[in-house]
Amino acid sequence: MSERVLVTGAAGFIGSHLCETLVARGDDVTGIDNFDPFYPRATKERNLEALRAHPRFRLCEADVRRDALPLAGVHAVIHLAAMAGVRPSLEDPATYMDVNVTGTARVLDAASRAGVRRVVLGSSSSVYGESTPAPFAEDAPAVAPISPYAASKRAAELVAFAVGLNRALRILCVRFFTVYGPRQRPDLAVYRFTERIAQGLPVAMHGDGSSERDYTYITDAVEGVVAALDWTGRGGSERGDGGRWQVVNIGGGERVRLDRLIALIGHALGREPRIERCPDQPGDVRLTAADLTRAERELGYRPRIGIEEGIRRFTRWFEETHGRKL
């Protein structure tokens, strides 16, 4: 049965892939994006090329903090619009709180007033900070974020809990673990490393290469969000509030060292990476690792694309899009 879904952040990396998946399965999608200049508008416009011609998709250029949202007839909201990035948040914490916390509160308020009861909220593994034991389980306290970005995503979750509880919304917060793949943001590590290695330029490796991340390929991340959307339509099982609020990890299921990631990219490109060693960066955690037990139980989620295959797919897309360098 097709649904009408509002997706905020629709022109972004995850948002554009998600919208394509939703319209392909027969849903009608209204995408919201304000084309924030965090990275070039032209990049986001390219993300939407396949969608703009699709009869089940329409785009509304709007800012969730101040503009009215087209919620008439909508069955569910997927809220992905956010200020992203750990290091930029250290320089401008107020904007991150405004967009990620106030923006979330406004979306939830607008949805409930319009009679929309189902919401999927995009969150982040960064909420676990440095003190959570690995693998990170959703019932960990998550009370010590080490960047304003992480704090803003945790605050958005808490706002969702409070609003949802009092407005009878059914909300699932998905905590993404380092999503990568075609069309990803150019500031993210996999993209930056690939670009530098392809151009024969040195790669800045912060730390000794032993830090580890749980990398999630874009198709797995989108499958997790779609499963979360379907969860909101049927309810959950764990909480005493009737299953109306839940947090679920969406990860790749494997811890990958930084030096191994760089080596995999170099191998996929057929080039030897030149490493430039740099100090650790403030705000970065040394480890992320998703416990996927709840995701499998509640959503039937299992990641399909391992890091080797994911990097091969990404570098192939990169070379097809930008051409082979040197």
C-alpha atoms as a PDB file:
ATOM      1  CA  MET A   1       0.000   0.000   0.000  1.00  0.00           C
ATOM      2  CA  SER A   2       1.531   3.316  -1.067  1.00  0.00           C
ATOM      3  CA  GLU A   3       2.030   6.115   1.437  1.00  0.00           C
ATOM      4  CA  ARG A   4       2.546   9.853   1.354  1.00  0.00           C
ATOM      5  CA  VAL A   5       5.855  10.633   3.020  1.00  0.00           C
ATOM      6  CA  LEU A   6       7.500  13.968   3.781  1.00  0.00           C
ATOM      7  CA  VAL A   7      11.310  13.768   3.769  1.00  0.00           C
ATOM      8  CA  THR A   8      13.339  16.692   5.114  1.00  0.00           C
ATOM      9  CA  GLY A   9      16.913  17.030   3.892  1.00  0.00           C
ATOM     10  CA  ALA A  10      15.781  15.396   0.647  1.00  0.00           C
ATOM     11  CA  ALA A  11      18.569  16.835  -1.513  1.00  0.00           C
ATOM     12  CA  GLY A  12      21.317  15.541   0.748  1.00  0.00           C
ATOM     13  CA  PHE A  13      23.325  12.344   0.518  1.00  0.00           C
ATOM     14  CA  ILE A  14      21.102  10.003   2.511  1.00  0.00           C
ATOM     15  CA  GLY A  15      17.921  11.936   1.753  1.00  0.00           C
ATOM     16  CA  SER A  16      18.199  11.738  -2.026  1.00  0.00           C
ATOM     17  CA  HIS A  17      18.933   7.997  -1.997  1.00  0.00           C
ATOM     18  CA  LEU A  18      16.039   7.459   0.399  1.00  0.00           C
ATOM     19  CA  CYS A  19      13.595   9.408  -1.771  1.00  0.00           C
ATOM     20  CA  GLU A  20      14.593   7.348  -4.806  1.00  0.00           C
ATOM     21  CA  THR A  21      13.937   4.143  -2.879  1.00  0.00           C
ATOM     22  CA  LEU A  22      10.561   5.330  -1.598  1.00  0.00           C
ATOM     23  CA  VAL A  23       9.222   6.397  -4.995  1.00  0.00           C
ATOM     24  CA  ALA A  24      10.534   3.167  -6.525  1.00  0.00           C
ATOM     25  CA  ARG A  25       8.427   1.164  -4.091  1.00  0.00           C
ATOM     26  CA  GLY A  26       5.334   3.223  -4.924  1.00  0.00           C
ATOM     27  CA  ASP A  27       5.228   5.913  -2.238  1.00  0.00           C
ATOM     28  CA  ASP A  28       4.419   9.554  -2.967  1.00  0.00           C
ATOM     29  CA  VAL A  29       7.229  11.712  -1.603  1.00  0.00           C
ATOM     30  CA  THR A  30       7.438  15.412  -0.852  1.00  0.00           C
ATOM     31  CA  GLY A  31      11.053  16.444  -0.347  1.00  0.00           C
ATOM     32  CA  ILE A  32      12.069  19.444   1.740  1.00  0.00           C
ATOM     33  CA  ASP A  33      15.491  21.091   1.515  1.00  0.00           C
ATOM     34  CA  ASN A  34      16.817  24.595   2.141  1.00  0.00           C
ATOM     35  CA  PHE A  35      20.026  24.034   0.118  1.00  0.00           C
ATOM     36  CA  ASP A  36      22.220  25.176   2.986  1.00  0.00           C
ATOM     37  CA  PRO A  37      25.638  26.257   1.636  1.00  0.00           C
ATOM     38  CA  PHE A  38      27.545  23.783   3.844  1.00  0.00           C
ATOM     39  CA  TYR A  39      28.484  22.303   0.480  1.00  0.00           C
ATOM     40  CA  PRO A  40      27.669  23.559  -3.034  1.00  0.00           C
ATOM     41  CA  ARG A  41      24.059  23.762  -4.187  1.00  0.00           C
ATOM     42  CA  ALA A  42      25.077  22.267  -7.533  1.00  0.00           C
ATOM     43  CA  THR A  43      26.066  19.053  -5.741  1.00  0.00           C
ATOM     44  CA  LYS A  44      22.613  18.753  -4.186  1.00  0.00           C
ATOM     45  CA  GLU A  45      20.933  19.605  -7.470  1.00  0.00           C
ATOM     46  CA  ARG A  46      22.785  16.687  -9.079  1.00  0.00           C
ATOM     47  CA  ASN A  47      21.543  14.451  -6.260  1.00  0.00           C
ATOM     48  CA  LEU A  48      17.979  15.223  -7.355  1.00  0.00           C
ATOM     49  CA  GLU A  49      18.422  14.683 -11.103  1.00  0.00           C
ATOM     50  CA  ALA A  50      16.711  11.289 -11.202  1.00  0.00           C
ATOM     51  CA  LEU A  51      13.965  12.377  -8.824  1.00  0.00           C
ATOM     52  CA  ARG A  52      12.862  15.606 -10.482  1.00  0.00           C
ATOM     53  CA  ALA A  53      11.316  13.786 -13.419  1.00  0.00           C
ATOM     54  CA  HIS A  54       9.521  11.219 -11.266  1.00  0.00           C
ATOM     55  CA  PRO A  55       5.741  11.698 -11.018  1.00  0.00           C
ATOM     56  CA  ARG A  56       5.684  10.530  -7.384  1.00  0.00           C
ATOM     57  CA  PHE A  57       8.199  13.140  -6.198  1.00  0.00           C
ATOM     58  CA  ARG A  58       7.925  16.855  -5.649  1.00  0.00           C
ATOM     59  CA  LEU A  59      10.424  19.213  -4.071  1.00  0.00           C
ATOM     60  CA  CYS A  60       9.636  22.110  -1.764  1.00  0.00           C
ATOM     61  CA  GLU A  61      12.492  24.498  -1.006  1.00  0.00           C
ATOM     62  CA  ALA A  62      11.989  25.462   2.630  1.00  0.00           C
ATOM     63  CA  ASP A  63      13.720  25.837   5.982  1.00  0.00           C
ATOM     64  CA  VAL A  64      12.226  23.639   8.698  1.00  0.00           C
ATOM     65  CA  ARG A  65      13.006  26.276  11.345  1.00  0.00           C
ATOM     66  CA  ARG A  66      10.763  28.957   9.907  1.00  0.00           C
ATOM     67  CA  ASP A  67       8.698  27.834   6.913  1.00  0.00           C
ATOM     68  CA  ALA A  68       5.346  26.070   6.859  1.00  0.00           C
ATOM     69  CA  LEU A  69       5.625  22.413   5.872  1.00  0.00           C
ATOM     70  CA  PRO A  70       3.266  20.844   3.282  1.00  0.00           C
ATOM     71  CA  LEU A  71       1.800  18.180   5.579  1.00  0.00           C
ATOM     72  CA  ALA A  72      -1.737  17.876   4.223  1.00  0.00           C
ATOM     73  CA  GLY A  73      -2.471  14.235   3.450  1.00  0.00           C
ATOM     74  CA  VAL A  74       0.959  13.076   4.678  1.00  0.00           C
ATOM     75  CA  HIS A  75       1.086   9.724   6.497  1.00  0.00           C
ATOM     76  CA  ALA A  76       4.625   9.949   7.913  1.00  0.00           C
ATOM     77  CA  VAL A  77       7.615  12.278   8.228  1.00  0.00           C
ATOM     78  CA  ILE A  78      11.256  11.272   7.864  1.00  0.00           C
ATOM     79  CA  HIS A  79      13.319  14.080   9.369  1.00  0.00           C
ATOM     80  CA  LEU A  80      16.899  14.052   8.053  1.00  0.00           C
ATOM     81  CA  ALA A  81      17.515  17.808   7.692  1.00  0.00           C
ATOM     82  CA  ALA A  82      20.400  18.793   9.975  1.00  0.00           C
ATOM     83  CA  MET A  83      23.688  20.594  10.263  1.00  0.00           C
ATOM     84  CA  ALA A  84      26.270  17.845   9.878  1.00  0.00           C
ATOM     85  CA  GLY A  85      29.917  17.537  10.829  1.00  0.00           C
ATOM     86  CA  VAL A  86      31.759  17.314  14.125  1.00  0.00           C
ATOM     87  CA  ARG A  87      34.582  19.804  13.561  1.00  0.00           C
ATOM     88  CA  PRO A  88      32.462  22.661  12.136  1.00  0.00           C
ATOM     89  CA  SER A  89      30.199  22.368  15.169  1.00  0.00           C
ATOM     90  CA  LEU A  90      33.142  23.296  17.413  1.00  0.00           C
ATOM     91  CA  GLU A  91      33.285  26.668  15.648  1.00  0.00           C
ATOM     92  CA  ASP A  92      29.539  27.381  15.529  1.00  0.00           C
ATOM     93  CA  PRO A  93      27.671  25.494  18.251  1.00  0.00           C
ATOM     94  CA  ALA A  94      24.737  27.914  18.306  1.00  0.00           C
ATOM     95  CA  THR A  95      23.791  27.233  14.691  1.00  0.00           C
ATOM     96  CA  TYR A  96      23.987  23.487  15.267  1.00  0.00           C
ATOM     97  CA  MET A  97      21.608  23.759  18.203  1.00  0.00           C
ATOM     98  CA  ASP A  98      19.255  25.993  16.239  1.00  0.00           C
ATOM     99  CA  VAL A  99      19.025  23.693  13.219  1.00  0.00           C
ATOM    100  CA  ASN A 100      19.287  20.284  14.871  1.00  0.00           C
ATOM    101  CA  VAL A 101      17.306  20.887  18.056  1.00  0.00           C
ATOM    102  CA  THR A 102      14.944  23.787  17.369  1.00  0.00           C
ATOM    103  CA  GLY A 103      14.414  22.539  13.816  1.00  0.00           C
ATOM    104  CA  THR A 104      13.502  19.085  15.109  1.00  0.00           C
ATOM    105  CA  ALA A 105      11.074  20.558  17.647  1.00  0.00           C
ATOM    106  CA  ARG A 106       9.370  22.571  14.911  1.00  0.00           C
ATOM    107  CA  VAL A 107       9.035  19.555  12.615  1.00  0.00           C
ATOM    108  CA  LEU A 108       7.529  17.448  15.402  1.00  0.00           C
ATOM    109  CA  ASP A 109       5.161  20.238  16.433  1.00  0.00           C
ATOM    110  CA  ALA A 110       4.021  20.816  12.841  1.00  0.00           C
ATOM    111  CA  ALA A 111       3.525  17.094  12.250  1.00  0.00           C
ATOM    112  CA  SER A 112       1.426  16.581  15.361  1.00  0.00           C
ATOM    113  CA  ARG A 113      -0.718  19.655  14.681  1.00  0.00           C
ATOM    114  CA  ALA A 114      -1.350  18.370  11.155  1.00  0.00           C
ATOM    115  CA  GLY A 115      -2.439  14.984  12.507  1.00  0.00           C
ATOM    116  CA  VAL A 116       0.690  13.132  11.338  1.00  0.00           C
ATOM    117  CA  ARG A 117       1.526  10.564  14.017  1.00  0.00           C
ATOM    118  CA  ARG A 118       4.504   8.726  12.516  1.00  0.00           C
ATOM    119  CA  VAL A 119       8.042  10.123  12.509  1.00  0.00           C
ATOM    120  CA  VAL A 120      11.495   8.733  11.731  1.00  0.00           C
ATOM    121  CA  LEU A 121      14.296  10.932  13.070  1.00  0.00           C
ATOM    122  CA  GLY A 122      17.849  10.755  11.763  1.00  0.00           C
ATOM    123  CA  SER A 123      20.377  10.684  14.609  1.00  0.00           C
ATOM    124  CA  SER A 124      24.040   9.742  14.916  1.00  0.00           C
ATOM    125  CA  SER A 125      26.434   7.286  16.543  1.00  0.00           C
ATOM    126  CA  SER A 126      28.294  10.346  17.839  1.00  0.00           C
ATOM    127  CA  VAL A 127      25.797  10.534  20.733  1.00  0.00           C
ATOM    128  CA  TYR A 128      27.650   7.631  22.408  1.00  0.00           C
ATOM    129  CA  GLY A 129      30.778   9.725  23.001  1.00  0.00           C
ATOM    130  CA  GLU A 130      34.018   8.178  24.240  1.00  0.00           C
ATOM    131  CA  SER A 131      32.813   6.388  27.376  1.00  0.00           C
ATOM    132  CA  THR A 132      30.264   3.891  26.008  1.00  0.00           C
ATOM    133  CA  PRO A 133      31.500   0.263  26.005  1.00  0.00           C
ATOM    134  CA  ALA A 134      31.714  -1.359  22.566  1.00  0.00           C
ATOM    135  CA  PRO A 135      29.683  -2.490  20.823  1.00  0.00           C
ATOM    136  CA  PHE A 136      27.394   0.476  21.473  1.00  0.00           C
ATOM    137  CA  ALA A 137      23.940  -0.601  22.633  1.00  0.00           C
ATOM    138  CA  GLU A 138      20.943   1.715  22.423  1.00  0.00           C
ATOM    139  CA  ASP A 139      20.211   1.529  26.142  1.00  0.00           C
ATOM    140  CA  ALA A 140      23.633   3.014  27.013  1.00  0.00           C
ATOM    141  CA  PRO A 141      23.204   6.342  28.850  1.00  0.00           C
ATOM    142  CA  ALA A 142      24.768   8.477  26.055  1.00  0.00           C
ATOM    143  CA  VAL A 143      25.208  11.415  28.418  1.00  0.00           C
ATOM    144  CA  ALA A 144      28.774  12.493  27.542  1.00  0.00           C
ATOM    145  CA  PRO A 145      28.927  13.726  23.906  1.00  0.00           C
ATOM    146  CA  ILE A 146      32.279  15.312  23.048  1.00  0.00           C
ATOM    147  CA  SER A 147      31.193  17.760  20.324  1.00  0.00           C
ATOM    148  CA  PRO A 148      28.332  20.243  19.916  1.00  0.00           C
ATOM    149  CA  TYR A 149      27.167  18.209  16.916  1.00  0.00           C
ATOM    150  CA  ALA A 150      26.880  15.068  19.056  1.00  0.00           C
ATOM    151  CA  ALA A 151      25.144  17.031  21.818  1.00  0.00           C
ATOM    152  CA  SER A 152      22.659  18.481  19.329  1.00  0.00           C
ATOM    153  CA  LYS A 153      21.727  15.035  17.989  1.00  0.00           C
ATOM    154  CA  ARG A 154      21.231  13.640  21.492  1.00  0.00           C
ATOM    155  CA  ALA A 155      19.154  16.695  22.404  1.00  0.00           C
ATOM    156  CA  ALA A 156      17.031  16.150  19.292  1.00  0.00           C
ATOM    157  CA  GLU A 157      16.353  12.577  20.428  1.00  0.00           C
ATOM    158  CA  LEU A 158      15.250  13.794  23.851  1.00  0.00           C
ATOM    159  CA  VAL A 159      12.995  16.430  22.312  1.00  0.00           C
ATOM    160  CA  ALA A 160      11.464  13.686  20.164  1.00  0.00           C
ATOM    161  CA  PHE A 161      10.831  11.571  23.252  1.00  0.00           C
ATOM    162  CA  ALA A 162       9.211  14.414  25.174  1.00  0.00           C
ATOM    163  CA  VAL A 163       7.064  15.700  22.305  1.00  0.00           C
ATOM    164  CA  GLY A 164       6.135  12.209  21.173  1.00  0.00           C
ATOM    165  CA  LEU A 165       5.089  11.159  24.644  1.00  0.00           C
ATOM    166  CA  ASN A 166       2.814  14.153  25.102  1.00  0.00           C
ATOM    167  CA  ARG A 167       1.448  14.275  21.546  1.00  0.00           C
ATOM    168  CA  ALA A 168       0.938  10.517  21.067  1.00  0.00           C
ATOM    169  CA  LEU A 169       3.418  10.347  18.189  1.00  0.00           C
ATOM    170  CA  ARG A 170       5.076   7.091  17.133  1.00  0.00           C
ATOM    171  CA  ILE A 171       8.758   7.924  16.682  1.00  0.00           C
ATOM    172  CA  LEU A 172      11.811   5.885  15.758  1.00  0.00           C
ATOM    173  CA  CYS A 173      15.253   7.518  16.016  1.00  0.00           C
ATOM    174  CA  VAL A 174      17.869   5.896  13.785  1.00  0.00           C
ATOM    175  CA  ARG A 175      21.466   6.335  14.889  1.00  0.00           C
ATOM    176  CA  PHE A 176      23.572   6.228  11.731  1.00  0.00           C
ATOM    177  CA  PHE A 177      27.125   4.892  11.902  1.00  0.00           C
ATOM    178  CA  THR A 178      29.372   6.662   9.319  1.00  0.00           C
ATOM    179  CA  VAL A 179      27.313   6.282   6.162  1.00  0.00           C
ATOM    180  CA  TYR A 180      29.286   6.337   2.895  1.00  0.00           C
ATOM    181  CA  GLY A 181      28.691   5.647  -0.778  1.00  0.00           C
ATOM    182  CA  PRO A 182      27.943   7.383  -4.096  1.00  0.00           C
ATOM    183  CA  ARG A 183      26.937  11.056  -3.714  1.00  0.00           C
ATOM    184  CA  GLN A 184      28.253  11.305  -0.164  1.00  0.00           C
ATOM    185  CA  ARG A 185      29.233  14.715   1.182  1.00  0.00           C
ATOM    186  CA  PRO A 186      32.627  15.849  -0.163  1.00  0.00           C
ATOM    187  CA  ASP A 187      33.849  16.722   3.340  1.00  0.00           C
ATOM    188  CA  LEU A 188      33.574  13.128   4.595  1.00  0.00           C
ATOM    189  CA  ALA A 189      36.641  10.926   5.014  1.00  0.00           C
ATOM    190  CA  VAL A 190      35.961   8.272   2.375  1.00  0.00           C
ATOM    191  CA  TYR A 191      35.357  10.944  -0.269  1.00  0.00           C
ATOM    192  CA  ARG A 192      38.340  13.088   0.764  1.00  0.00           C
ATOM    193  CA  PHE A 193      40.711  10.127   0.866  1.00  0.00           C
ATOM    194  CA  THR A 194      39.533   8.885  -2.514  1.00  0.00           C
ATOM    195  CA  GLU A 195      39.912  12.306  -4.101  1.00  0.00           C
ATOM    196  CA  ARG A 196      43.409  12.821  -2.723  1.00  0.00           C
ATOM    197  CA  ILE A 197      44.679   9.353  -3.639  1.00  0.00           C
ATOM    198  CA  ALA A 198      43.158   9.607  -7.132  1.00  0.00           C
ATOM    199  CA  GLN A 199      45.032  12.892  -7.647  1.00  0.00           C
ATOM    200  CA  GLY A 200      48.299  11.494  -6.343  1.00  0.00           C
ATOM    201  CA  LEU A 201      48.205  13.840  -3.336  1.00  0.00           C
ATOM    202  CA  PRO A 202      49.124  12.914   0.233  1.00  0.00           C
ATOM    203  CA  VAL A 203      46.366  11.806   2.611  1.00  0.00           C
ATOM    204  CA  ALA A 204      46.210  13.411   6.039  1.00  0.00           C
ATOM    205  CA  MET A 205      45.894  10.554   8.542  1.00  0.00           C
ATOM    206  CA  HIS A 206      45.052  11.909  11.968  1.00  0.00           C
ATOM    207  CA  GLY A 207      46.516   9.772  14.727  1.00  0.00           C
ATOM    208  CA  ASP A 208      48.441   6.544  14.302  1.00  0.00           C
ATOM    209  CA  GLY A 209      45.815   4.851  12.108  1.00  0.00           C
ATOM    210  CA  SER A 210      44.445   2.647  14.874  1.00  0.00           C
ATOM    211  CA  SER A 211      41.156   4.512  15.380  1.00  0.00           C
ATOM    212  CA  GLU A 212      38.179   2.457  14.232  1.00  0.00           C
ATOM    213  CA  ARG A 213      34.811   3.230  12.670  1.00  0.00           C
ATOM    214  CA  ASP A 214      31.729   1.206  11.877  1.00  0.00           C
ATOM    215  CA  TYR A 215      31.105   2.169   8.223  1.00  0.00           C
ATOM    216  CA  THR A 216      27.619   1.747   6.733  1.00  0.00           C
ATOM    217  CA  TYR A 217      27.097   1.554   2.993  1.00  0.00           C
ATOM    218  CA  ILE A 218      24.345   3.841   1.714  1.00  0.00           C
ATOM    219  CA  THR A 219      22.016   1.080   0.514  1.00  0.00           C
ATOM    220  CA  ASP A 220      22.129  -0.544   3.946  1.00  0.00           C
ATOM    221  CA  ALA A 221      21.425   2.790   5.629  1.00  0.00           C
ATOM    222  CA  VAL A 222      18.437   3.406   3.365  1.00  0.00           C
ATOM    223  CA  GLU A 223      17.085  -0.087   4.006  1.00  0.00           C
ATOM    224  CA  GLY A 224      17.289   0.683   7.714  1.00  0.00           C
ATOM    225  CA  VAL A 225      15.340   3.930   7.336  1.00  0.00           C
ATOM    226  CA  VAL A 226      12.649   2.279   5.218  1.00  0.00           C
ATOM    227  CA  ALA A 227      12.325  -0.469   7.827  1.00  0.00           C
ATOM    228  CA  ALA A 228      12.055   2.227  10.498  1.00  0.00           C
ATOM    229  CA  LEU A 229       9.280   3.905   8.517  1.00  0.00           C
ATOM    230  CA  ASP A 230       7.410   0.616   8.331  1.00  0.00           C
ATOM    231  CA  TRP A 231       7.967   0.109  12.093  1.00  0.00           C
ATOM    232  CA  THR A 232       6.153   3.367  12.817  1.00  0.00           C
ATOM    233  CA  GLY A 233       3.173   1.959  10.952  1.00  0.00           C
ATOM    234  CA  ARG A 234       2.919  -1.142  13.082  1.00  0.00           C
ATOM    235  CA  GLY A 235       4.415  -0.126  16.447  1.00  0.00           C
ATOM    236  CA  GLY A 236       7.195  -1.575  18.548  1.00  0.00           C
ATOM    237  CA  SER A 237       7.525  -3.899  21.484  1.00  0.00           C
ATOM    238  CA  GLU A 238      10.049  -2.807  24.083  1.00  0.00           C
ATOM    239  CA  ARG A 239       9.005   0.334  25.914  1.00  0.00           C
ATOM    240  CA  GLY A 240       6.409   0.891  28.593  1.00  0.00           C
ATOM    241  CA  ASP A 241       4.903   3.780  26.621  1.00  0.00           C
ATOM    242  CA  GLY A 242       3.179   1.354  24.270  1.00  0.00           C
ATOM    243  CA  GLY A 243       6.074   1.127  21.845  1.00  0.00           C
ATOM    244  CA  ARG A 244       5.583   4.697  20.621  1.00  0.00           C
ATOM    245  CA  TRP A 245       9.265   5.704  20.883  1.00  0.00           C
ATOM    246  CA  GLN A 246      12.380   3.761  20.029  1.00  0.00           C
ATOM    247  CA  VAL A 247      16.071   4.250  19.213  1.00  0.00           C
ATOM    248  CA  VAL A 248      17.833   1.850  16.833  1.00  0.00           C
ATOM    249  CA  ASN A 249      21.413   1.646  15.569  1.00  0.00           C
ATOM    250  CA  ILE A 250      21.969   1.461  11.817  1.00  0.00           C
ATOM    251  CA  GLY A 251      25.536   0.281  11.234  1.00  0.00           C
ATOM    252  CA  GLY A 252      27.715  -1.798   8.973  1.00  0.00           C
ATOM    253  CA  GLY A 253      28.499  -4.450  11.575  1.00  0.00           C
ATOM    254  CA  GLU A 254      32.300  -4.248  11.293  1.00  0.00           C
ATOM    255  CA  ARG A 255      34.990  -2.133  12.955  1.00  0.00           C
ATOM    256  CA  VAL A 256      37.464  -0.800  10.374  1.00  0.00           C
ATOM    257  CA  ARG A 257      40.813   0.744  11.293  1.00  0.00           C
ATOM    258  CA  LEU A 258      41.658   4.068   9.684  1.00  0.00           C
ATOM    259  CA  ASP A 259      44.893   2.794   8.147  1.00  0.00           C
ATOM    260  CA  ARG A 260      43.023  -0.186   6.683  1.00  0.00           C
ATOM    261  CA  LEU A 261      40.383   2.104   5.177  1.00  0.00           C
ATOM    262  CA  ILE A 262      43.045   4.172   3.437  1.00  0.00           C
ATOM    263  CA  ALA A 263      44.757   1.019   2.150  1.00  0.00           C
ATOM    264  CA  LEU A 264      41.456  -0.341   0.798  1.00  0.00           C
ATOM    265  CA  ILE A 265      40.799   2.891  -1.106  1.00  0.00           C
ATOM    266  CA  GLY A 266      44.303   2.861  -2.546  1.00  0.00           C
ATOM    267  CA  HIS A 267      43.908  -0.758  -3.629  1.00  0.00           C
ATOM    268  CA  ALA A 268      40.548  -0.073  -5.280  1.00  0.00           C
ATOM    269  CA  LEU A 269      42.063   2.861  -7.191  1.00  0.00           C
ATOM    270  CA  GLY A 270      45.194   0.922  -8.080  1.00  0.00           C
ATOM    271  CA  ARG A 271      47.419   3.536  -6.425  1.00  0.00           C
ATOM    272  CA  GLU A 272      49.691   3.536  -3.399  1.00  0.00           C
ATOM    273  CA  PRO A 273      48.491   6.084  -0.821  1.00  0.00           C
ATOM    274  CA  ARG A 274      50.966   8.684   0.396  1.00  0.00           C
ATOM    275  CA  ILE A 275      50.364   9.159   4.110  1.00  0.00           C
ATOM    276  CA  GLU A 276      50.847  12.468   5.910  1.00  0.00           C
ATOM    277  CA  ARG A 277      50.683  11.848   9.664  1.00  0.00           C
ATOM    278  CA  CYS A 278      48.788  14.474  11.668  1.00  0.00           C
ATOM    279  CA  PRO A 279      47.687  14.876  15.300  1.00  0.00           C
ATOM    280  CA  ASP A 280      44.300  13.639  16.468  1.00  0.00           C
ATOM    281  CA  GLN A 281      41.516  16.125  15.847  1.00  0.00           C
ATOM    282  CA  PRO A 282      39.329  17.570  18.628  1.00  0.00           C
ATOM    283  CA  GLY A 283      35.790  16.228  18.737  1.00  0.00           C
ATOM    284  CA  ASP A 284      36.624  12.943  17.021  1.00  0.00           C
ATOM    285  CA  VAL A 285      36.025   9.694  18.895  1.00  0.00           C
ATOM    286  CA  ARG A 286      38.525   6.852  18.584  1.00  0.00           C
ATOM    287  CA  LEU A 287      35.943   4.123  18.132  1.00  0.00           C
ATOM    288  CA  THR A 288      32.422   3.536  16.898  1.00  0.00           C
ATOM    289  CA  ALA A 289      30.854   0.074  16.901  1.00  0.00           C
ATOM    290  CA  ALA A 290      27.164  -0.664  16.503  1.00  0.00           C
ATOM    291  CA  ASP A 291      25.346  -3.330  18.460  1.00  0.00           C
ATOM    292  CA  LEU A 292      22.754  -4.391  15.853  1.00  0.00           C
ATOM    293  CA  THR A 293      20.777  -6.781  18.041  1.00  0.00           C
ATOM    294  CA  ARG A 294      17.831  -4.432  18.452  1.00  0.00           C
ATOM    295  CA  ALA A 295      17.902  -3.388  14.788  1.00  0.00           C
ATOM    296  CA  GLU A 296      17.601  -6.998  13.699  1.00  0.00           C
ATOM    297  CA  ARG A 297      14.873  -7.785  16.205  1.00  0.00           C
ATOM    298  CA  GLU A 298      12.736  -4.680  15.683  1.00  0.00           C
ATOM    299  CA  LEU A 299      13.407  -3.921  12.004  1.00  0.00           C
ATOM    300  CA  GLY A 300      14.755  -7.149  10.533  1.00  0.00           C
ATOM    301  CA  TYR A 301      17.846  -5.107   9.660  1.00  0.00           C
ATOM    302  CA  ARG A 302      21.039  -6.842   8.541  1.00  0.00           C
ATOM    303  CA  PRO A 303      23.766  -4.969   6.646  1.00  0.00           C
ATOM    304  CA  ARG A 304      24.536  -6.542   3.279  1.00  0.00           C
ATOM    305  CA  ILE A 305      27.550  -4.619   1.967  1.00  0.00           C
ATOM    306  CA  GLY A 306      30.914  -5.156   3.661  1.00  0.00           C
ATOM    307  CA  ILE A 307      33.672  -2.564   3.626  1.00  0.00           C
ATOM    308  CA  GLU A 308      35.678  -4.100   0.749  1.00  0.00           C
ATOM    309  CA  GLU A 309      32.673  -4.251  -1.577  1.00  0.00           C
ATOM    310  CA  GLY A 310      31.444  -0.854  -0.429  1.00  0.00           C
ATOM    311  CA  ILE A 311      34.785   0.821  -1.165  1.00  0.00           C
ATOM    312  CA  ARG A 312      34.930  -0.853  -4.583  1.00  0.00           C
ATOM    313  CA  ARG A 313      31.474   0.504  -5.386  1.00  0.00           C
ATOM    314  CA  PHE A 314      32.311   3.975  -4.144  1.00  0.00           C
ATOM    315  CA  THR A 315      35.616   4.306  -5.993  1.00  0.00           C
ATOM    316  CA  ARG A 316      33.967   3.006  -9.188  1.00  0.00           C
ATOM    317  CA  TRP A 317      31.285   5.697  -8.846  1.00  0.00           C
ATOM    318  CA  PHE A 318      33.944   8.326  -8.110  1.00  0.00           C
ATOM    319  CA  GLU A 319      35.949   7.504 -11.231  1.00  0.00           C
ATOM    320  CA  GLU A 320      32.828   7.336 -13.392  1.00  0.00           C
ATOM    321  CA  THR A 321      31.704  10.705 -12.067  1.00  0.00           C
ATOM    322  CA  HIS A 322      34.994  12.598 -11.939  1.00  0.00           C
ATOM    323  CA  GLY A 323      37.133  10.616 -14.364  1.00  0.00           C
ATOM    324  CA  ARG A 324      40.396   8.855 -13.611  1.00  0.00           C
ATOM    325  CA  LYS A 325      43.099  11.211 -12.384  1.00  0.00           C
ATOM    326  CA  LEU A 326      46.756  11.375 -13.520  1.00  0.00           C
END
